[in-house]
N, C-alpha and C. Protein backbone atom coordinates (compact mmCIF):
# COMPACT_ATOMS: atom_id res chain seq x y z
N MET A 1 34.72 -27.74 44.85
CA MET A 1 33.26 -28.14 44.82
C MET A 1 32.93 -26.62 43.76
N GLY A 2 31.88 -27.22 42.71
CA GLY A 2 31.49 -25.82 41.46
C GLY A 2 30.30 -25.37 42.45
N ALA A 3 29.38 -24.62 41.27
CA ALA A 3 28.70 -23.64 41.25
C ALA A 3 27.66 -24.25 42.08
N GLY A 4 27.66 -25.85 41.49
CA GLY A 4 26.28 -26.76 42.13
C GLY A 4 26.56 -27.83 42.71
N THR A 5 26.05 -28.95 42.88
CA THR A 5 26.27 -30.18 43.45
C THR A 5 25.75 -31.48 42.31
N LYS A 6 25.80 -32.50 42.72
CA LYS A 6 24.84 -33.53 41.93
C LYS A 6 23.89 -33.60 41.74
N ASP A 7 23.57 -33.07 42.58
CA ASP A 7 22.20 -33.42 42.77
C ASP A 7 21.34 -32.07 42.63
N GLN A 8 22.01 -30.86 42.64
CA GLN A 8 21.41 -29.83 42.52
C GLN A 8 22.40 -28.62 41.37
N PRO A 9 22.37 -29.28 40.27
CA PRO A 9 23.72 -28.46 39.30
C PRO A 9 23.24 -27.43 39.19
N ASN A 10 24.17 -26.16 38.82
CA ASN A 10 24.33 -24.96 38.83
C ASN A 10 23.16 -24.44 39.68
N VAL A 11 22.78 -24.42 40.77
CA VAL A 11 22.15 -23.67 41.62
C VAL A 11 22.52 -22.64 42.20
N THR A 12 21.69 -21.50 41.52
CA THR A 12 22.67 -20.31 42.05
C THR A 12 21.77 -19.21 42.66
N PRO A 13 21.46 -18.21 43.08
CA PRO A 13 20.32 -17.19 43.47
C PRO A 13 19.52 -17.00 42.64
N ARG A 14 19.79 -17.16 41.32
CA ARG A 14 19.18 -16.66 40.27
C ARG A 14 18.52 -17.76 40.19
N ARG A 15 18.60 -18.63 40.00
CA ARG A 15 17.84 -20.20 39.28
C ARG A 15 16.73 -20.33 40.69
N VAL A 16 17.26 -20.00 41.93
CA VAL A 16 16.77 -20.35 43.20
C VAL A 16 15.69 -19.56 42.97
N ALA A 17 15.66 -18.09 42.54
CA ALA A 17 14.63 -17.08 42.36
C ALA A 17 13.38 -17.41 41.32
N GLN A 18 14.17 -17.75 40.13
CA GLN A 18 13.17 -17.95 38.90
C GLN A 18 12.20 -19.63 39.75
N THR A 19 12.94 -20.77 40.39
CA THR A 19 12.04 -21.43 40.65
C THR A 19 11.00 -21.76 41.44
N ARG A 20 11.56 -20.23 42.32
CA ARG A 20 10.29 -20.09 43.59
C ARG A 20 9.14 -19.14 42.34
N SER A 21 9.72 -18.07 41.30
CA SER A 21 8.58 -17.64 41.06
C SER A 21 7.61 -18.72 40.17
N ARG A 22 8.46 -19.73 39.60
CA ARG A 22 6.99 -20.46 38.67
C ARG A 22 6.27 -20.70 39.64
N ILE A 23 7.09 -21.68 40.72
CA ILE A 23 6.36 -22.05 41.92
C ILE A 23 4.76 -21.24 41.83
N LEU A 24 4.76 -20.09 42.66
CA LEU A 24 4.15 -19.24 42.91
C LEU A 24 3.28 -18.88 41.65
N GLU A 25 3.86 -18.90 40.63
CA GLU A 25 2.82 -18.22 39.36
C GLU A 25 1.82 -19.55 39.41
N ALA A 26 2.45 -20.37 39.39
CA ALA A 26 1.54 -21.55 39.34
C ALA A 26 0.17 -21.92 40.36
N VAL A 27 0.54 -21.27 41.45
CA VAL A 27 -0.33 -21.62 42.35
C VAL A 27 -1.11 -20.66 42.20
N ILE A 28 -0.78 -19.62 41.69
CA ILE A 28 -1.93 -18.29 41.59
C ILE A 28 -2.39 -18.62 40.80
N THR A 29 -2.33 -19.21 39.49
CA THR A 29 -3.04 -19.83 38.31
C THR A 29 -4.18 -21.03 38.80
N SER A 30 -3.47 -21.87 39.86
CA SER A 30 -4.59 -22.82 39.83
C SER A 30 -5.59 -22.50 41.14
N LEU A 31 -4.93 -21.71 41.56
CA LEU A 31 -6.36 -21.13 42.78
C LEU A 31 -7.01 -20.46 41.99
N ASP A 32 -6.89 -19.80 40.78
CA ASP A 32 -7.73 -18.60 40.14
C ASP A 32 -9.02 -19.79 39.26
N GLU A 33 -8.02 -21.00 38.86
CA GLU A 33 -8.80 -21.82 37.93
C GLU A 33 -9.34 -23.28 38.40
N VAL A 34 -9.05 -23.50 39.91
CA VAL A 34 -9.99 -24.66 40.34
C VAL A 34 -10.11 -24.65 41.84
N GLY A 35 -9.84 -23.43 42.20
CA GLY A 35 -9.91 -22.61 44.10
C GLY A 35 -8.94 -23.70 44.73
N TYR A 36 -8.99 -23.06 46.14
CA TYR A 36 -7.91 -23.57 47.26
C TYR A 36 -8.22 -25.24 47.49
N SER A 37 -9.50 -25.59 47.52
CA SER A 37 -9.25 -27.01 47.91
C SER A 37 -8.60 -27.51 47.05
N GLU A 38 -9.14 -27.23 45.92
CA GLU A 38 -8.03 -28.74 44.76
C GLU A 38 -6.96 -27.99 44.18
N CYS A 39 -6.20 -27.38 45.03
CA CYS A 39 -5.11 -26.48 44.64
C CYS A 39 -3.81 -27.19 45.36
N SER A 40 -3.63 -28.67 44.93
CA SER A 40 -2.77 -29.39 45.42
C SER A 40 -1.25 -29.15 45.12
N ILE A 41 -0.21 -29.50 45.79
CA ILE A 41 0.61 -29.96 45.63
C ILE A 41 0.96 -30.97 44.39
N ASN A 42 0.74 -31.51 43.84
CA ASN A 42 0.99 -32.28 42.66
C ASN A 42 0.62 -31.25 41.46
N ARG A 43 -0.32 -30.70 41.58
CA ARG A 43 -1.40 -29.87 40.66
C ARG A 43 -0.14 -28.57 40.27
N VAL A 44 -0.04 -28.29 41.30
CA VAL A 44 1.13 -27.04 41.48
C VAL A 44 2.74 -27.36 40.21
N GLN A 45 3.10 -28.85 41.28
CA GLN A 45 4.07 -29.29 40.75
C GLN A 45 4.17 -29.31 39.11
N GLN A 46 3.14 -30.55 38.87
CA GLN A 46 3.10 -30.07 36.92
C GLN A 46 2.95 -28.75 36.50
N LEU A 47 2.23 -27.96 37.05
CA LEU A 47 1.58 -26.41 36.34
C LEU A 47 2.96 -26.01 36.28
N ALA A 48 4.03 -26.33 37.28
CA ALA A 48 5.11 -25.14 37.53
C ALA A 48 6.28 -25.96 36.18
N GLY A 49 6.16 -27.26 36.25
CA GLY A 49 7.08 -28.03 35.73
C GLY A 49 8.33 -28.00 36.38
N VAL A 50 7.89 -28.63 37.94
CA VAL A 50 9.35 -28.70 38.39
C VAL A 50 9.02 -30.55 39.10
N SER A 51 10.47 -30.73 39.82
CA SER A 51 10.02 -31.43 40.58
C SER A 51 9.87 -31.72 41.67
N ARG A 52 9.14 -32.76 42.16
CA ARG A 52 8.60 -32.52 43.62
C ARG A 52 9.53 -32.05 44.78
N GLY A 53 10.74 -32.64 44.61
CA GLY A 53 11.66 -32.44 45.57
C GLY A 53 12.36 -30.89 45.57
N ALA A 54 12.42 -30.27 44.54
CA ALA A 54 12.66 -28.72 44.17
C ALA A 54 11.23 -28.18 44.88
N LEU A 55 9.95 -28.77 44.61
CA LEU A 55 8.84 -27.83 45.21
C LEU A 55 9.21 -27.54 46.85
N THR A 56 9.15 -29.24 47.31
CA THR A 56 9.03 -29.20 48.61
C THR A 56 10.17 -28.82 49.16
N HIS A 57 11.52 -28.23 48.55
CA HIS A 57 12.40 -27.67 49.32
C HIS A 57 12.33 -26.79 49.45
N HIS A 58 11.42 -25.68 48.64
CA HIS A 58 11.27 -24.25 49.07
C HIS A 58 10.16 -24.05 49.87
N PHE A 59 9.22 -25.07 49.69
CA PHE A 59 7.84 -24.68 50.18
C PHE A 59 7.54 -25.94 50.82
N PRO A 60 7.97 -26.50 51.90
CA PRO A 60 7.70 -28.20 52.77
C PRO A 60 5.97 -28.05 52.82
N SER A 61 5.09 -27.05 52.65
CA SER A 61 3.91 -27.81 53.15
C SER A 61 2.72 -26.67 52.17
N LYS A 62 1.41 -26.77 51.89
CA LYS A 62 0.60 -26.15 51.57
C LYS A 62 0.44 -24.95 51.86
N GLU A 63 0.49 -24.83 53.42
CA GLU A 63 -0.05 -23.77 54.52
C GLU A 63 1.44 -23.06 53.58
N ASP A 64 3.11 -23.64 54.19
CA ASP A 64 3.76 -22.34 53.74
C ASP A 64 3.76 -21.86 51.84
N ILE A 65 3.55 -22.81 51.13
CA ILE A 65 3.16 -22.31 49.51
C ILE A 65 2.00 -21.23 49.75
N MET A 66 1.00 -21.56 50.42
CA MET A 66 -0.19 -19.68 50.04
C MET A 66 0.44 -18.87 50.78
N VAL A 67 1.54 -18.80 51.93
CA VAL A 67 1.79 -17.85 52.87
C VAL A 67 2.70 -17.27 51.83
N GLN A 68 3.32 -17.80 51.41
CA GLN A 68 4.41 -17.06 50.36
C GLN A 68 3.87 -16.66 49.00
N THR A 69 2.58 -17.39 48.35
CA THR A 69 1.88 -16.61 47.45
C THR A 69 1.18 -15.35 48.29
N LEU A 70 0.66 -15.20 48.83
CA LEU A 70 -0.12 -14.59 49.36
C LEU A 70 0.89 -13.06 49.78
N LEU A 71 1.85 -13.53 50.24
CA LEU A 71 2.97 -12.28 50.18
C LEU A 71 3.53 -11.43 49.03
N GLN A 72 3.78 -12.23 47.62
CA GLN A 72 3.88 -12.43 46.42
C GLN A 72 3.00 -11.58 45.67
N LEU A 73 1.45 -11.83 46.73
CA LEU A 73 0.67 -10.90 45.95
C LEU A 73 0.71 -9.54 46.26
N LEU A 74 0.71 -9.55 47.49
CA LEU A 74 1.33 -8.30 48.24
C LEU A 74 2.34 -7.22 48.02
N ALA A 75 3.55 -7.85 48.15
CA ALA A 75 5.02 -7.39 47.83
C ALA A 75 5.05 -6.56 47.22
N PRO A 76 4.57 -6.66 45.78
CA PRO A 76 5.10 -5.76 45.08
C PRO A 76 4.23 -4.09 44.78
N VAL A 77 3.09 -3.99 45.71
CA VAL A 77 2.69 -2.84 45.97
C VAL A 77 2.39 -2.83 47.43
N ARG A 78 3.65 -3.07 48.25
CA ARG A 78 3.60 -2.67 49.66
C ARG A 78 4.30 -1.54 49.85
N GLY A 79 5.18 -1.28 50.77
CA GLY A 79 6.07 -0.11 51.24
C GLY A 79 6.10 1.08 51.09
N PRO A 80 6.59 2.02 52.53
CA PRO A 80 6.56 3.38 52.50
C PRO A 80 6.63 4.36 51.27
N ALA A 81 7.98 3.06 50.53
CA ALA A 81 8.53 4.37 49.36
C ALA A 81 7.39 4.04 47.93
N SER A 82 6.60 3.29 47.75
CA SER A 82 5.60 3.24 46.78
C SER A 82 3.93 3.00 47.16
N PRO A 83 3.15 3.63 46.51
CA PRO A 83 1.64 3.65 47.37
C PRO A 83 1.12 2.14 46.89
N THR A 84 0.55 1.81 47.50
CA THR A 84 0.09 0.36 47.36
C THR A 84 -0.92 0.35 45.90
N GLU A 85 -0.85 -0.47 44.72
CA GLU A 85 -1.44 -0.60 43.72
C GLU A 85 -2.81 -0.27 43.81
N GLU A 86 -3.62 -0.47 45.01
CA GLU A 86 -5.01 -0.19 45.25
C GLU A 86 -5.21 1.36 45.15
N ALA A 87 -4.41 1.82 45.84
CA ALA A 87 -4.14 3.64 46.54
C ALA A 87 -3.63 4.26 44.75
N GLN A 88 -3.01 3.60 44.23
CA GLN A 88 -2.36 3.78 42.89
C GLN A 88 -3.58 4.29 41.99
N LEU A 89 -4.04 3.02 42.02
CA LEU A 89 -4.77 2.97 40.39
C LEU A 89 -5.94 3.80 41.16
N LEU A 90 -6.63 4.10 42.52
CA LEU A 90 -7.41 5.37 42.25
C LEU A 90 -6.88 6.96 42.51
N GLN A 91 -5.82 7.25 42.20
CA GLN A 91 -5.44 8.20 42.10
C GLN A 91 -5.97 9.08 40.55
N PRO A 92 -7.07 10.40 41.12
CA PRO A 92 -7.54 10.83 40.16
C PRO A 92 -7.06 11.15 38.76
N THR A 93 -7.43 11.20 37.47
CA THR A 93 -6.45 11.71 36.64
C THR A 93 -8.07 12.86 35.90
N PRO A 94 -7.47 13.02 34.79
CA PRO A 94 -8.24 13.47 33.60
C PRO A 94 -9.34 12.87 33.19
N GLU A 95 -8.95 11.40 32.52
CA GLU A 95 -9.49 9.88 31.69
C GLU A 95 -10.11 9.69 33.02
N MET A 96 -9.77 9.60 34.14
CA MET A 96 -11.16 9.06 35.13
C MET A 96 -11.10 10.05 36.26
N GLY A 97 -11.94 10.78 36.04
CA GLY A 97 -12.51 11.97 36.67
C GLY A 97 -13.20 11.90 38.16
N THR A 98 -14.04 10.74 37.99
CA THR A 98 -15.11 10.80 38.80
C THR A 98 -14.62 9.14 39.92
N LEU A 99 -15.33 9.32 41.31
CA LEU A 99 -14.59 8.32 41.90
C LEU A 99 -15.80 6.93 41.24
N PRO A 100 -16.84 6.63 40.58
CA PRO A 100 -17.18 5.55 39.77
C PRO A 100 -16.49 4.83 38.27
N ASP A 101 -15.71 6.03 38.01
CA ASP A 101 -14.58 5.49 37.23
C ASP A 101 -13.82 5.13 37.70
N GLN A 102 -12.90 5.42 38.58
CA GLN A 102 -11.77 4.87 39.74
C GLN A 102 -12.47 3.74 40.10
N LEU A 103 -13.25 3.70 40.47
CA LEU A 103 -13.51 2.32 41.30
C LEU A 103 -14.12 1.10 39.81
N GLN A 104 -14.50 1.45 38.98
CA GLN A 104 -14.45 0.82 37.42
C GLN A 104 -13.25 0.16 37.39
N HIS A 105 -12.04 1.01 37.59
CA HIS A 105 -10.55 0.49 37.36
C HIS A 105 -10.21 -0.46 38.14
N LEU A 106 -10.24 0.13 39.64
CA LEU A 106 -9.85 -0.79 40.60
C LEU A 106 -10.28 -2.06 40.44
N TRP A 107 -11.73 -2.35 40.04
CA TRP A 107 -12.10 -3.51 39.61
C TRP A 107 -11.44 -4.90 38.52
N HIS A 108 -11.54 -3.67 37.56
CA HIS A 108 -11.18 -4.03 36.34
C HIS A 108 -9.18 -4.72 36.25
N ARG A 109 -8.92 -3.82 37.24
CA ARG A 109 -7.31 -3.77 37.39
C ARG A 109 -6.70 -4.91 38.11
N VAL A 110 -7.41 -4.95 39.39
CA VAL A 110 -6.97 -5.19 40.67
C VAL A 110 -7.96 -6.36 41.51
N ILE A 111 -9.02 -6.43 41.30
CA ILE A 111 -9.41 -6.84 42.09
C ILE A 111 -10.32 -8.06 41.29
N ASN A 112 -10.74 -7.77 39.74
CA ASN A 112 -11.51 -9.09 38.84
C ASN A 112 -10.34 -9.37 38.22
N THR A 113 -9.22 -9.69 38.99
CA THR A 113 -8.19 -10.59 37.96
C THR A 113 -7.21 -11.60 38.25
N ARG A 114 -6.64 -12.26 37.67
CA ARG A 114 -6.08 -13.66 38.18
C ARG A 114 -5.76 -13.56 39.64
N GLU A 115 -4.63 -12.57 39.83
CA GLU A 115 -3.93 -12.34 41.44
C GLU A 115 -5.09 -11.87 42.21
N GLY A 116 -6.23 -11.06 42.41
CA GLY A 116 -7.26 -10.61 42.96
C GLY A 116 -8.48 -12.15 43.18
N ARG A 117 -8.42 -12.58 42.55
CA ARG A 117 -9.40 -14.05 42.62
C ARG A 117 -8.28 -15.00 43.22
N ALA A 118 -7.14 -15.35 43.21
CA ALA A 118 -6.78 -15.96 44.11
C ALA A 118 -6.22 -15.39 45.56
N LEU A 119 -5.74 -14.13 45.37
CA LEU A 119 -5.79 -13.46 46.88
C LEU A 119 -7.30 -13.89 47.80
N MET A 120 -8.50 -13.80 46.99
CA MET A 120 -9.92 -14.22 48.00
C MET A 120 -9.55 -15.42 48.23
N GLU A 121 -8.94 -16.41 47.63
CA GLU A 121 -9.19 -17.56 47.67
C GLU A 121 -8.48 -18.07 49.03
N ILE A 122 -7.87 -17.39 49.49
CA ILE A 122 -6.48 -17.65 50.51
C ILE A 122 -7.31 -17.16 51.70
N LEU A 123 -7.99 -16.00 51.30
CA LEU A 123 -8.63 -15.48 52.56
C LEU A 123 -9.64 -16.16 52.89
N VAL A 124 -10.42 -16.57 51.64
CA VAL A 124 -11.88 -17.47 52.38
C VAL A 124 -11.30 -18.72 53.11
N ALA A 125 -10.07 -19.39 52.69
CA ALA A 125 -9.57 -20.67 53.05
C ALA A 125 -8.94 -19.87 54.83
N ALA A 126 -8.42 -19.10 54.80
CA ALA A 126 -8.02 -18.90 56.22
C ALA A 126 -8.60 -18.67 57.28
N ARG A 127 -10.37 -18.16 56.70
CA ARG A 127 -11.19 -18.20 57.85
C ARG A 127 -11.06 -19.45 58.68
N THR A 128 -11.20 -20.64 57.88
CA THR A 128 -11.67 -21.92 58.73
C THR A 128 -10.12 -22.34 59.20
N ASP A 129 -8.89 -21.75 58.93
CA ASP A 129 -7.84 -22.81 59.14
C ASP A 129 -7.14 -21.78 59.84
N PRO A 130 -7.04 -21.68 61.19
CA PRO A 130 -6.47 -20.77 62.16
C PRO A 130 -4.95 -20.50 61.93
N ALA A 131 -4.49 -21.65 61.53
CA ALA A 131 -2.89 -21.74 61.27
C ALA A 131 -2.33 -20.63 60.23
N LEU A 132 -3.09 -20.59 59.10
CA LEU A 132 -3.19 -20.18 58.15
C LEU A 132 -3.44 -18.56 58.21
N SER A 133 -4.33 -18.58 58.51
CA SER A 133 -5.10 -17.24 59.17
C SER A 133 -3.82 -16.36 60.43
N ALA A 134 -3.26 -17.14 61.04
CA ALA A 134 -2.12 -16.76 62.20
C ALA A 134 -1.21 -16.02 61.47
N ARG A 135 -0.63 -16.71 60.09
CA ARG A 135 0.30 -16.46 59.70
C ARG A 135 0.27 -15.07 58.97
N ILE A 136 -0.30 -15.38 57.90
CA ILE A 136 -0.93 -14.25 56.72
C ILE A 136 -1.85 -12.81 57.59
N THR A 137 -2.25 -12.99 58.70
CA THR A 137 -2.71 -11.35 59.03
C THR A 137 -2.06 -10.62 59.35
N PRO A 138 -0.82 -10.61 59.94
CA PRO A 138 0.20 -9.81 59.99
C PRO A 138 0.57 -8.89 58.73
N ALA A 139 0.51 -9.23 57.64
CA ALA A 139 1.04 -9.55 56.67
C ALA A 139 -0.35 -7.97 55.77
N LEU A 140 -1.56 -8.61 55.97
CA LEU A 140 -3.00 -8.12 55.76
C LEU A 140 -2.87 -6.84 56.87
N TRP A 141 -2.62 -6.86 58.02
CA TRP A 141 -3.17 -5.64 58.86
C TRP A 141 -1.83 -4.80 57.87
N ALA A 142 -0.49 -4.94 57.94
CA ALA A 142 0.34 -4.02 57.22
C ALA A 142 0.04 -3.57 55.87
N TYR A 143 -0.48 -4.09 54.95
CA TYR A 143 -0.82 -3.77 53.50
C TYR A 143 -1.99 -2.75 53.78
N ASN A 144 -3.11 -2.93 54.69
CA ASN A 144 -4.28 -1.99 55.06
C ASN A 144 -3.55 -0.62 55.93
N ASP A 145 -2.75 -0.77 56.36
CA ASP A 145 -2.05 0.34 56.61
C ASP A 145 -1.47 0.83 56.20
N ASP A 146 -0.74 0.32 55.28
CA ASP A 146 -0.35 1.50 53.76
C ASP A 146 -1.44 1.76 52.89
N PHE A 147 -2.01 1.42 52.79
CA PHE A 147 -3.31 1.57 51.65
C PHE A 147 -4.41 2.76 52.47
N ASN A 148 -4.16 2.91 53.79
CA ASN A 148 -4.89 3.94 54.33
C ASN A 148 -4.24 5.40 54.05
N ARG A 149 -2.87 4.62 54.57
CA ARG A 149 -1.71 5.83 54.32
C ARG A 149 -1.72 6.63 53.24
N ASN A 150 -1.64 5.73 52.21
CA ASN A 150 -1.40 6.09 50.94
C ASN A 150 -2.73 7.09 50.30
N ILE A 151 -3.49 6.38 50.16
CA ILE A 151 -4.59 6.68 50.13
C ILE A 151 -5.14 8.19 50.51
N ALA A 152 -4.68 9.07 51.54
CA ALA A 152 -5.22 10.17 52.42
C ALA A 152 -4.34 10.87 51.54
N HIS A 153 -3.16 10.65 50.54
CA HIS A 153 -2.48 11.60 49.96
C HIS A 153 -3.55 12.37 48.69
N LEU A 154 -4.44 11.04 48.55
CA LEU A 154 -5.05 11.20 46.73
C LEU A 154 -6.87 11.74 46.97
N TYR A 155 -7.13 11.24 48.33
CA TYR A 155 -8.64 11.70 48.59
C TYR A 155 -8.72 12.44 49.83
N GLN A 156 -10.05 13.10 49.98
CA GLN A 156 -10.46 13.65 51.71
C GLN A 156 -11.55 13.06 51.58
N ALA A 157 -12.07 13.06 53.00
CA ALA A 157 -13.55 12.90 53.36
C ALA A 157 -14.75 14.08 52.87
N SER A 158 -15.89 14.02 53.45
CA SER A 158 -16.48 15.23 53.61
C SER A 158 -16.36 15.64 54.48
N ALA A 159 -17.08 16.80 54.52
CA ALA A 159 -16.62 17.41 56.37
C ALA A 159 -17.61 16.51 57.88
N ALA A 160 -18.90 16.10 57.15
CA ALA A 160 -19.38 15.27 58.05
C ALA A 160 -18.88 14.07 58.49
N HIS A 161 -17.82 13.89 57.68
CA HIS A 161 -17.31 12.68 58.10
C HIS A 161 -15.73 12.61 57.72
N ALA A 162 -14.98 13.46 58.30
CA ALA A 162 -13.54 13.78 57.93
C ALA A 162 -12.87 12.65 58.96
N LYS A 163 -13.63 12.46 60.54
CA LYS A 163 -12.83 11.49 60.90
C LYS A 163 -13.30 9.97 60.43
N GLU A 164 -13.77 9.77 59.95
CA GLU A 164 -14.27 8.43 59.35
C GLU A 164 -13.47 8.14 57.84
N PHE A 165 -12.84 8.50 57.44
CA PHE A 165 -12.08 8.58 56.18
C PHE A 165 -11.81 7.28 55.55
N SER A 166 -10.92 6.83 56.83
CA SER A 166 -10.61 5.44 56.79
C SER A 166 -11.48 4.30 56.34
N LEU A 167 -12.24 4.84 57.52
CA LEU A 167 -13.75 3.62 57.49
C LEU A 167 -14.51 3.56 56.37
N LEU A 168 -14.49 4.73 55.88
CA LEU A 168 -15.56 5.23 54.30
C LEU A 168 -14.28 4.34 53.39
N TRP A 169 -13.03 4.03 53.16
CA TRP A 169 -12.45 3.35 52.48
C TRP A 169 -12.37 1.72 52.58
N SER A 170 -12.62 1.44 53.82
CA SER A 170 -12.93 0.20 54.02
C SER A 170 -14.22 -0.58 53.21
N ILE A 171 -15.02 0.70 53.53
CA ILE A 171 -16.29 0.15 53.28
C ILE A 171 -16.54 -0.07 51.65
N CYS A 172 -16.06 0.76 50.91
CA CYS A 172 -15.53 0.80 49.60
C CYS A 172 -14.89 -0.84 49.11
N ARG A 173 -13.70 -1.09 49.84
CA ARG A 173 -13.21 -2.04 49.50
C ARG A 173 -13.75 -3.49 49.80
N SER A 174 -14.32 -3.63 50.98
CA SER A 174 -15.57 -4.80 51.25
C SER A 174 -16.35 -4.57 50.34
N PHE A 175 -16.98 -3.38 49.55
CA PHE A 175 -18.06 -3.52 48.78
C PHE A 175 -17.21 -4.50 47.49
N MET A 176 -15.92 -3.83 46.74
CA MET A 176 -15.61 -4.24 45.75
C MET A 176 -15.58 -5.77 45.74
N ARG A 177 -14.68 -6.05 47.19
CA ARG A 177 -14.46 -7.21 47.02
C ARG A 177 -15.40 -9.00 47.25
N GLY A 178 -16.64 -7.88 47.61
CA GLY A 178 -17.84 -9.20 47.95
C GLY A 178 -18.54 -9.20 46.66
N LEU A 179 -17.88 -8.26 45.34
CA LEU A 179 -18.61 -8.70 44.06
C LEU A 179 -18.19 -9.85 43.75
N HIS A 180 -17.29 -10.25 43.99
CA HIS A 180 -16.41 -11.62 43.44
C HIS A 180 -18.03 -12.84 43.60
N SER A 181 -18.32 -12.73 45.12
CA SER A 181 -19.53 -13.64 45.51
C SER A 181 -20.89 -13.41 44.69
N GLN A 182 -21.29 -11.55 44.92
CA GLN A 182 -22.39 -11.54 44.19
C GLN A 182 -22.28 -11.85 42.66
N ALA A 183 -21.42 -11.91 41.46
CA ALA A 183 -21.49 -12.43 40.61
C ALA A 183 -22.08 -14.08 40.73
N ALA A 184 -22.29 -14.28 41.54
CA ALA A 184 -22.21 -15.94 41.26
C ALA A 184 -24.15 -16.14 41.07
N TYR A 185 -24.76 -14.81 41.72
CA TYR A 185 -26.07 -14.85 41.40
C TYR A 185 -27.04 -14.31 40.76
N GLU A 186 -25.69 -13.35 39.58
CA GLU A 186 -26.38 -12.56 38.43
C GLU A 186 -26.34 -13.39 37.04
N ARG A 187 -27.53 -13.19 36.57
CA ARG A 187 -27.58 -14.15 35.41
C ARG A 187 -26.74 -13.23 34.34
N ASP A 188 -26.97 -11.40 34.69
CA ASP A 188 -26.37 -10.82 33.47
C ASP A 188 -24.93 -10.24 34.13
N PRO A 189 -24.30 -10.89 33.61
CA PRO A 189 -22.77 -10.32 34.08
C PRO A 189 -22.66 -8.67 33.81
N GLU A 190 -23.01 -8.11 33.30
CA GLU A 190 -23.11 -5.85 33.25
C GLU A 190 -23.75 -5.64 34.43
N ILE A 191 -24.48 -6.96 35.17
CA ILE A 191 -25.04 -6.46 36.17
C ILE A 191 -23.68 -5.70 37.23
N ILE A 192 -22.94 -6.54 37.60
CA ILE A 192 -21.61 -6.03 38.18
C ILE A 192 -21.03 -4.43 38.05
N THR A 193 -21.19 -4.22 36.80
CA THR A 193 -20.35 -2.71 36.42
C THR A 193 -21.46 -1.59 36.74
N LYS A 194 -22.83 -2.58 36.80
CA LYS A 194 -23.68 -1.16 36.71
C LYS A 194 -23.54 -0.97 38.56
N MET A 195 -23.57 -2.39 39.71
CA MET A 195 -23.53 -2.44 40.63
C MET A 195 -21.86 -1.59 40.97
N VAL A 196 -20.84 -1.35 40.41
CA VAL A 196 -20.08 -0.64 40.63
C VAL A 196 -20.08 1.29 40.22
N ASP A 197 -20.63 1.10 39.59
CA ASP A 197 -20.96 2.41 38.83
C ASP A 197 -22.03 3.69 40.10
N LEU A 198 -23.29 2.34 40.34
CA LEU A 198 -24.21 3.19 41.48
C LEU A 198 -23.66 3.24 42.55
N PHE A 199 -22.95 2.45 43.19
CA PHE A 199 -21.98 2.55 44.36
C PHE A 199 -20.87 3.89 44.61
N GLY A 200 -20.27 3.63 43.05
CA GLY A 200 -19.78 4.88 43.43
C GLY A 200 -20.26 6.31 43.74
N ARG A 201 -21.52 6.04 42.67
CA ARG A 201 -22.37 7.33 42.76
C ARG A 201 -23.21 7.76 44.18
N ILE A 202 -22.89 6.55 44.91
CA ILE A 202 -23.50 6.86 46.28
C ILE A 202 -22.38 7.29 46.92
N MET A 203 -21.30 6.76 46.83
CA MET A 203 -20.00 7.50 47.85
C MET A 203 -19.64 8.60 47.26
N ALA A 204 -19.65 8.85 46.16
CA ALA A 204 -18.82 10.17 45.52
C ALA A 204 -19.28 11.33 46.87
N PRO A 205 -20.10 12.05 47.16
CA PRO A 205 -20.20 12.75 48.15
C PRO A 205 -19.96 12.88 49.14
N HIS A 206 -19.41 11.68 49.51
CA HIS A 206 -18.61 11.40 51.29
C HIS A 206 -16.77 11.57 50.90
N LEU A 207 -16.67 11.07 49.59
CA LEU A 207 -15.11 11.27 49.04
C LEU A 207 -14.60 12.08 48.17
N SER A 208 -13.99 12.79 48.31
CA SER A 208 -13.48 13.80 46.74
C SER A 208 -12.11 13.98 46.69
N PRO A 209 -11.75 14.24 45.54
CA PRO A 209 -10.23 14.14 45.52
C PRO A 209 -9.42 15.05 46.22
N ARG A 210 -8.12 15.31 46.35
CA ARG A 210 -7.21 16.29 46.80
C ARG A 210 -7.08 17.00 45.55
N ALA A 211 -6.52 18.35 45.82
CA ALA A 211 -5.97 19.10 44.52
C ALA A 211 -4.54 18.63 44.78
N PRO A 212 -4.00 18.62 43.30
CA PRO A 212 -2.62 17.93 43.35
C PRO A 212 -1.64 18.60 44.50
N ALA A 213 -1.79 19.89 44.89
CA ALA A 213 -0.81 20.07 45.91
C ALA A 213 -0.95 19.93 47.46
N GLU A 214 -2.20 19.28 47.28
CA GLU A 214 -2.65 19.24 49.02
C GLU A 214 -2.16 17.95 49.52
N GLY A 215 -1.46 18.05 50.73
CA GLY A 215 -1.13 16.80 51.13
C GLY A 215 -2.74 16.75 52.28
N PRO A 216 -2.23 15.10 53.00
CA PRO A 216 -3.37 14.58 53.79
C PRO A 216 -2.95 15.67 54.98
N PRO A 217 -4.18 15.79 55.86
CA PRO A 217 -4.10 16.60 57.01
C PRO A 217 -3.13 15.96 58.11
N ALA A 218 -2.63 17.32 58.91
CA ALA A 218 -1.46 16.99 59.69
C ALA A 218 -1.97 16.01 61.16
N ALA A 219 -1.06 14.80 61.35
CA ALA A 219 -1.53 14.22 63.00
C ALA A 219 -2.11 14.90 63.59
N PRO A 220 -2.81 14.66 64.93
CA PRO A 220 -3.12 15.49 65.67
C PRO A 220 -1.82 15.32 66.64
């Protein structure tokens, strides 16, 4: 037998990876454009340009495809060797020297993106889908742990809130992701930009960048 079969010619690891990537990219696009409820297997199949058999071979159910989509959204920015993308984009730079500037960057580069909106669709769906929630929760917890560890290398809390550093960043991230919902209430889209700026100024006295050579505090 050759590398492929009559039904699946030239099936190689590279082709498998390419097919999976096309499918997951189609899911992300579909979630962003039409939302979770309308992101059907048929829609994804057509958008990815693959056969129904190929899609269900890789992802037998909608739940499976959503779990793998979420893992793909988190995978490039996970792991102990590289900071989460959220933390990396919050790294203080001369061009973005203030917390409001860094939060604006986070909003435009991570949260209010095709990928960020797709992630929100999965998270909202998981609220009322116990099976989906159970499958994605470990990955979300691990991502959150990575973020808290990495951001501690870049920022510090004020003395009055030194023990609440992770909580302060959780508040920041909750506020930023909540802007997706608030945007629907606003006639003027520029209000969101103004909200991010004001929130950043409110939080700035409580969070400050570490000196370049300064590391996070030692664990007790």
